[in-house]
Structures are given as structure tokens and as C-alpha cells.
Amino acid sequence: MQPNTVQQLNQTNSAMNFVQRGAFAALPIVFGYLPIGITYGVLAKQSGLSLIEITMMSVFVFAGAAQFVAVSMINAGALFVEIVLATFVLNLRHFVMSFSIMNRLRSVSLKWKIPISLGLTDETFSVASLYPKEGQKKGGMWFYASMILVSYFAWILGSFAGGLLGEVIPEALSQSMGIALYAMFIALLIPSVRSEWRIGLIAVLSMMLNYIAYAITGNQGWSIVLATILAGASGIWLLPQEEVEE
């Protein structure tokens, strides 16, 4: 066997090993994404979106919290630009997550960095953070790509199944699933509040700002956008600065 052939075979085996390990690492995310995706699909169907629209939002947005907010704003009659702006503000944190991953994948070419950064969510970033050494290994990008793709398709599958389920289950049952929206945000908030109580203060502040803005403007969409920006900006003064290790 030629040396080049042996080298290519070793590279292929190494890539397959990274792919398998990445897919296995994504399993906890899959088990979380499927029920939440189904809930999103049912709520989106309840809001009047078609099955194609529900699925395509998951394909192009791939951000659970933003999609739940979008469905909520559609229910409130918000304008398209209001939904897009709220989604943009809500996902600004993805810039920071992308910079962190890009710093870890310095040796990887841009053609890998771009799709990997686009596939980052809170969950995929958290799991990726548990495997920092993979980014330093040759072929480690296969690990992150596999983990993100498995999570991505699980989210789309859950959304599609939820859209189908929303067409057949009784309306009273689908409306009761609206509580899942609040449950999901509480589940996201509690771990952060446990580590830093001021984050809870910012959450309360955002609710108050949303209430005041809605009372003044009478527009739910812009009230959410305004409350998100102001409450998020308050974190600059309210949250303690992290000490830089020398």
C-alpha cells in the first residue's frame, strides 16, 4: 500500500472517530431539544403558522428562546421588523460565544469556522466548552461539526413533529402548552440566578420596563424590544466585573 494511501486512510479514520464522538456528545442536547422543539411547534401552530413556516423558522433561525419569543410576538400582533429586532437583540450573546469558539479553533480554516459559529446555541456552546482540547487537535473541527449537526437536526425534527401534533391535538390541550414558554425561560434563568442574584434583579427590571413601555406605547412588540435593550444594558452597571487572571 502506498504511503499516501495509508496517510489518507488514517485521516479518514481519525475524522470518523471525531464524528462519532461529537454525535455521542450531542445526545444530552437531543433529549432536551426534542420535547422543547415539539412544544415550540405546537405553540407556533396555535399562532397560525403553517407547517412549512414552523419548520423553516427552525432551519434558518435555530435559536429556541428567540423562536419562542417570535411566536409570542406573533400572537401579540407584532410587526415583522419588531420580531426581527427583538430576535437580534436577544441573540447578541452569540457574538461572544462565536469569538470564544473561534479563539479555540485558531488553526482551523475559515470555511469551517463560519458554519460552526452559525450553529452555536446556548446548549451546543455549553457542550463544546466541556471539550476544549478537541479544538487543539488535528481534525477536531469534525467533533464540533458533528455535535452541532446532530443537535440541529434534532431541533428541526422536534419542530416538525410539534407542527404535525398541533394539527391533531385538541385546541384546549395545545393552548395549555403555552405554559411551556414560561417554564423554559424560568429553567434558563434559575441556574444563572443561583450563581449571581443580580441577574434575577435584571429579569425583574425587564418585566417592569416591559409593563411601563406597554402602558405608554400600547405596542407589545416595541415594548419587548425596548425592555430587552434597557434591561440588558443595565447589566453593565449591576453585574460585577470578572477578575482577569494574570
Foldseek 3Di string as FASTA:
>chain_A
DDPVVVVVVVVVVVLVVLLVLLLVLLVVLLVVQQVLLLLLLLLLVLLPDALVRLLVCLVQPVESLLSLVLSVQSNVVADPVLSVLLSCLVCVCLVVLLVVVCVLQVVDDPVLSVVLSSLDYPVLSVSCVVPSVLSVDVSSSSSSVSNSVSSSVSNSVSNSNSNVVSVPDDPVVSVVSNVVSVVVVCVVQVVVCVVPVVSVVLVVQLVVQLVVVCVVPVRNSVSNSVSSVVSVVVCVVRPDDDDDDD
